[in-house]
Amino acid sequence: MPDKTTHFGFRRVPVSEKTRHVRQVFDSVADNYDLMNDLMSFGIHRLWKRFAINMAALRPGQQVLDLAGGTGDLTRLMAPLVGSSGQVVLADINAAMLENGRRRLLDKGISGNVSFVLANAEQLPFPDNRFDLATMAFGLRNVTDKQRALDALFRVLKPGGRLLVLEFSRPVALLKPAYDFYSFRLLPKLGQLIANDAPSYRYLAESIRMHPDQQTLQGMLEQAGFERCDYHNLTGGIVAIHRGYKL
């Protein structure tokens, strides 16, 4: 029986191969990831992430999972908020990204309450009811089975815990022509110029278009069991923060 297929950007690839393709993309971009984020978003990604952390309302002593945490931007903001009695677990499927995150956090003096785990979002290696908060910033669209990942996140959250997903989404119609021109014409050229890798940044633009829109993703959170689900559009819907609670 032929392998089922899924999207990798605008291409169709066997389901069993998507994780490898995504890993290759992030192996390629890991060393330039932070610089490219600043250039691609004109630095606005930092404001999006701070907005998400403000929504998290973290308290000292809480346990946090920063899934697909990459180079640690959210972990850097959350670790001081949970303090020495709390913990942030930075988890990512890509070893190169995780190592970059470890180095960056150590360089900023953040280490005592942070641990690092190589993990697949669809098969989280954590016990049930482990975390008060789970975050996933700009990672869900790269997951092969997004519903399975949301189910896994629901499982590892404590009753009363909450999930925040920060992800690219569908902009308002007025922004779409300029956004498409930037994504498909300028972004790959920027990737070639800075990272010598136009194809990876073309994939990133395509993966955004293939990601569920705001309403669809909210429905997927609800299907996983989350309640009081909502979303907040940022920058005209280019990015959205989705929130759900395990009650």
Protein backbone atom coordinates (compact mmCIF):
# COMPACT_ATOMS: atom_id res chain seq x y z
CA MET A 1 0.00 0.00 0.00
CA PRO A 2 1.49 3.40 -0.94
CA ASP A 3 2.45 5.75 1.87
CA LYS A 4 -0.08 8.47 2.66
CA THR A 5 1.04 11.96 1.75
CA THR A 6 0.95 15.34 3.44
CA HIS A 7 2.00 18.84 2.49
CA PHE A 8 5.54 20.12 2.82
CA GLY A 9 5.01 23.70 1.77
CA PHE A 10 3.14 23.42 -1.53
CA ARG A 11 4.63 19.98 -2.30
CA ARG A 12 3.15 16.63 -1.35
CA VAL A 13 5.51 14.23 0.40
CA PRO A 14 5.00 10.88 2.13
CA VAL A 15 3.84 11.33 5.73
CA SER A 16 6.79 9.27 6.91
CA GLU A 17 9.24 11.71 5.30
CA LYS A 18 7.88 15.12 6.35
CA THR A 19 9.70 15.20 9.69
CA ARG A 20 13.00 14.57 7.89
CA HIS A 21 12.33 17.36 5.40
CA VAL A 22 11.45 19.81 8.18
CA ARG A 23 14.54 18.80 10.13
CA GLN A 24 16.70 19.52 7.09
CA VAL A 25 15.18 23.00 6.78
CA PHE A 26 15.93 23.89 10.38
CA ASP A 27 19.38 22.29 10.30
CA SER A 28 20.06 24.66 7.43
CA VAL A 29 18.66 27.83 9.03
CA ALA A 30 19.64 27.24 12.69
CA ASP A 31 22.78 29.38 12.73
CA ASN A 32 21.04 32.36 11.10
CA TYR A 33 17.61 31.81 12.62
CA ASP A 34 17.57 34.74 15.04
CA LEU A 35 19.09 37.20 12.61
CA MET A 36 16.62 36.18 9.91
CA ASN A 37 13.68 36.50 12.32
CA ASP A 38 14.70 40.08 13.05
CA LEU A 39 15.12 40.89 9.37
CA MET A 40 11.99 39.09 8.17
CA SER A 41 9.69 40.71 10.72
CA PHE A 42 11.56 44.01 11.09
CA GLY A 43 11.98 43.05 14.75
CA ILE A 44 8.23 42.84 15.36
CA HIS A 45 8.45 39.14 16.28
CA ARG A 46 9.89 40.23 19.64
CA LEU A 47 6.76 42.27 20.36
CA TRP A 48 4.53 39.34 19.36
CA LYS A 49 6.39 37.07 21.77
CA ARG A 50 6.23 39.58 24.63
CA PHE A 51 2.50 39.98 24.06
CA ALA A 52 2.09 36.20 24.29
CA ILE A 53 4.06 35.99 27.54
CA ASN A 54 2.00 38.82 29.04
CA MET A 55 -1.11 36.78 28.23
CA ALA A 56 0.42 33.78 30.03
CA ALA A 57 0.23 35.53 33.44
CA LEU A 58 2.96 33.30 34.85
CA ARG A 59 3.60 33.05 38.59
CA PRO A 60 6.64 31.92 40.60
CA GLY A 61 6.85 28.17 41.02
CA GLN A 62 4.95 27.22 37.89
CA GLN A 63 6.01 24.49 35.47
CA VAL A 64 6.18 25.48 31.79
CA LEU A 65 6.71 23.62 28.52
CA ASP A 66 8.14 25.74 25.71
CA LEU A 67 7.49 23.35 22.84
CA ALA A 68 9.24 23.93 19.51
CA GLY A 69 11.13 26.50 21.57
CA GLY A 70 14.02 26.65 19.12
CA THR A 71 16.58 29.24 20.11
CA GLY A 72 14.83 30.07 23.37
CA ASP A 73 13.20 33.47 22.90
CA LEU A 74 10.13 32.55 24.97
CA THR A 75 12.12 30.58 27.53
CA ARG A 76 14.34 33.62 28.11
CA LEU A 77 11.26 35.68 28.95
CA MET A 78 9.52 33.01 31.03
CA ALA A 79 12.38 31.68 33.18
CA PRO A 80 12.65 34.83 35.36
CA LEU A 81 8.86 34.86 35.83
CA VAL A 82 8.64 31.32 37.29
CA GLY A 83 11.74 31.92 39.41
CA SER A 84 14.00 29.42 41.13
CA SER A 85 11.04 27.41 42.43
CA GLY A 86 9.64 26.93 38.93
CA GLN A 87 10.95 25.35 35.75
CA VAL A 88 10.82 25.91 32.01
CA VAL A 89 11.39 22.89 29.77
CA LEU A 90 12.64 23.99 26.35
CA ALA A 91 11.74 21.20 23.92
CA ASP A 92 12.39 20.97 20.20
CA ILE A 93 12.59 18.22 17.61
CA ASN A 94 15.69 19.74 16.02
CA ALA A 95 19.01 19.21 17.81
CA ALA A 96 20.75 22.12 16.06
CA MET A 97 18.04 24.56 17.11
CA LEU A 98 18.05 23.20 20.66
CA GLU A 99 21.82 23.58 20.95
CA ASN A 100 21.60 27.16 19.69
CA GLY A 101 18.95 27.83 22.32
CA ARG A 102 21.10 26.34 25.06
CA ARG A 103 24.07 28.51 24.11
CA ARG A 104 22.03 31.69 23.88
CA LEU A 105 20.40 31.15 27.27
CA LEU A 106 23.71 30.31 28.94
CA ASP A 107 25.23 33.45 27.43
CA LYS A 108 22.44 35.44 29.10
CA GLY A 109 22.97 33.73 32.44
CA ILE A 110 19.78 31.68 32.30
CA SER A 111 20.35 28.08 33.32
CA GLY A 112 19.25 27.11 36.84
CA ASN A 113 15.56 26.64 36.19
CA VAL A 114 15.70 25.62 32.51
CA SER A 115 16.06 22.12 31.08
CA PHE A 116 16.37 20.99 27.47
CA VAL A 117 14.61 18.04 25.86
CA LEU A 118 14.79 16.72 22.30
CA ALA A 119 11.15 15.88 21.63
CA ASN A 120 8.61 15.28 18.89
CA ALA A 121 5.46 17.34 19.47
CA GLU A 122 3.29 14.38 18.48
CA GLN A 123 4.89 12.06 21.07
CA LEU A 124 5.74 14.18 24.10
CA PRO A 125 7.97 12.31 26.58
CA PHE A 126 6.31 13.79 29.67
CA PRO A 127 3.82 12.38 32.18
CA ASP A 128 0.17 13.36 32.24
CA ASN A 129 -0.76 16.57 34.07
CA ARG A 130 2.85 17.82 34.25
CA PHE A 131 2.70 21.52 33.26
CA ASP A 132 0.81 24.66 34.26
CA LEU A 133 1.43 26.28 30.87
CA ALA A 134 2.50 25.10 27.43
CA THR A 135 3.60 27.48 24.70
CA MET A 136 4.29 26.83 21.04
CA ALA A 137 5.59 29.75 18.99
CA PHE A 138 5.92 29.42 15.22
CA GLY A 139 6.27 25.65 15.41
CA LEU A 140 2.83 24.09 14.99
CA ARG A 141 2.70 24.68 11.23
CA ASN A 142 5.76 22.44 10.79
CA VAL A 143 4.20 19.48 12.63
CA THR A 144 3.02 16.61 10.45
CA ASP A 145 -0.09 15.72 12.50
CA LYS A 146 -1.15 18.95 14.18
CA GLN A 147 -4.20 17.45 15.86
CA ARG A 148 -2.08 14.74 17.43
CA ALA A 149 0.30 17.39 18.77
CA LEU A 150 -2.58 19.36 20.29
CA ASP A 151 -3.89 16.16 21.87
CA ALA A 152 -0.44 15.54 23.36
CA LEU A 153 -0.28 19.08 24.72
CA PHE A 154 -3.68 18.65 26.35
CA ARG A 155 -2.49 15.43 28.00
CA VAL A 156 0.62 16.94 29.61
CA LEU A 157 -1.15 20.01 31.00
CA LYS A 158 -2.48 20.01 34.54
CA PRO A 159 -6.19 20.57 35.14
CA GLY A 160 -6.48 24.35 35.11
CA GLY A 161 -3.47 24.60 32.81
CA ARG A 162 -3.44 26.58 29.60
CA LEU A 163 -2.00 26.49 26.14
CA LEU A 164 -0.75 29.44 24.08
CA VAL A 165 -0.02 28.93 20.39
CA LEU A 166 1.63 31.85 18.61
CA GLU A 167 1.61 31.25 14.88
CA PHE A 168 1.38 32.91 11.49
CA SER A 169 -2.20 33.05 10.31
CA ARG A 170 -4.50 34.71 7.74
CA PRO A 171 -4.09 38.49 7.39
CA VAL A 172 -6.98 40.79 6.65
CA ALA A 173 -7.79 41.14 2.95
CA LEU A 174 -6.27 44.60 2.70
CA LEU A 175 -2.83 43.28 3.63
CA LYS A 176 -2.88 40.14 1.51
CA PRO A 177 -1.42 41.45 -1.81
CA ALA A 178 1.55 43.14 -0.15
CA TYR A 179 2.04 40.18 2.21
CA ASP A 180 2.07 37.70 -0.67
CA PHE A 181 4.54 39.83 -2.64
CA TYR A 182 6.86 40.05 0.36
CA SER A 183 6.56 36.34 1.21
CA PHE A 184 7.13 34.87 -2.24
CA ARG A 185 9.27 37.48 -3.96
CA LEU A 186 11.38 39.17 -1.29
CA LEU A 187 11.69 36.60 1.50
CA PRO A 188 13.50 33.91 -0.56
CA LYS A 189 15.90 36.56 -1.86
CA LEU A 190 16.59 37.69 1.70
CA GLY A 191 17.21 34.07 2.68
CA GLN A 192 19.65 33.68 -0.19
CA LEU A 193 21.46 36.90 0.67
CA ILE A 194 21.79 36.35 4.42
CA ALA A 195 21.73 32.57 4.83
CA ASN A 196 22.63 31.39 1.32
CA ASP A 197 19.44 29.35 1.42
CA ALA A 198 16.49 30.55 -0.65
CA PRO A 199 14.63 27.17 -0.72
CA SER A 200 14.26 26.95 3.08
CA TYR A 201 12.72 30.39 3.25
CA ARG A 202 10.47 29.62 0.30
CA TYR A 203 9.25 26.61 2.30
CA LEU A 204 8.63 28.79 5.35
CA ALA A 205 6.44 31.12 3.27
CA GLU A 206 4.56 28.16 1.77
CA SER A 207 4.08 26.48 5.15
CA ILE A 208 2.33 29.61 6.44
CA ARG A 209 -0.18 29.44 3.57
CA MET A 210 -0.88 25.77 4.28
CA HIS A 211 -1.46 26.33 8.00
CA PRO A 212 -5.07 26.33 9.28
CA ASP A 213 -6.68 29.76 9.56
CA GLN A 214 -7.78 31.26 12.86
CA GLN A 215 -11.22 29.68 13.04
CA THR A 216 -10.02 26.25 11.92
CA LEU A 217 -7.21 26.17 14.46
CA GLN A 218 -9.57 27.23 17.24
CA GLY A 219 -11.78 24.30 16.30
CA MET A 220 -8.77 21.96 16.51
CA LEU A 221 -8.00 23.16 20.05
CA GLU A 222 -11.60 22.48 21.01
CA GLN A 223 -11.42 19.02 19.43
CA ALA A 224 -8.35 18.26 21.59
CA GLY A 225 -10.44 19.04 24.69
CA PHE A 226 -9.48 22.63 25.40
CA GLU A 227 -12.19 24.97 26.66
CA ARG A 228 -12.67 28.74 26.69
CA CYS A 229 -10.69 28.85 23.45
CA ASP A 230 -10.09 32.17 21.76
CA TYR A 231 -7.58 33.93 19.54
CA HIS A 232 -6.12 37.39 19.23
CA ASN A 233 -4.97 38.74 15.88
CA LEU A 234 -1.75 40.72 15.81
CA THR A 235 -0.48 42.94 12.97
CA GLY A 236 -3.69 42.60 11.00
CA GLY A 237 -3.90 38.82 11.40
CA ILE A 238 -0.44 38.09 10.01
CA VAL A 239 0.05 36.43 13.38
CA ALA A 240 -2.51 35.11 15.86
CA ILE A 241 -2.25 33.96 19.47
CA HIS A 242 -4.55 31.05 20.24
CA ARG A 243 -5.44 30.25 23.84
CA GLY A 244 -7.19 27.30 25.44
CA TYR A 245 -7.65 25.90 28.94
CA LYS A 246 -7.71 22.37 30.32
CA LEU A 247 -10.54 22.60 32.82
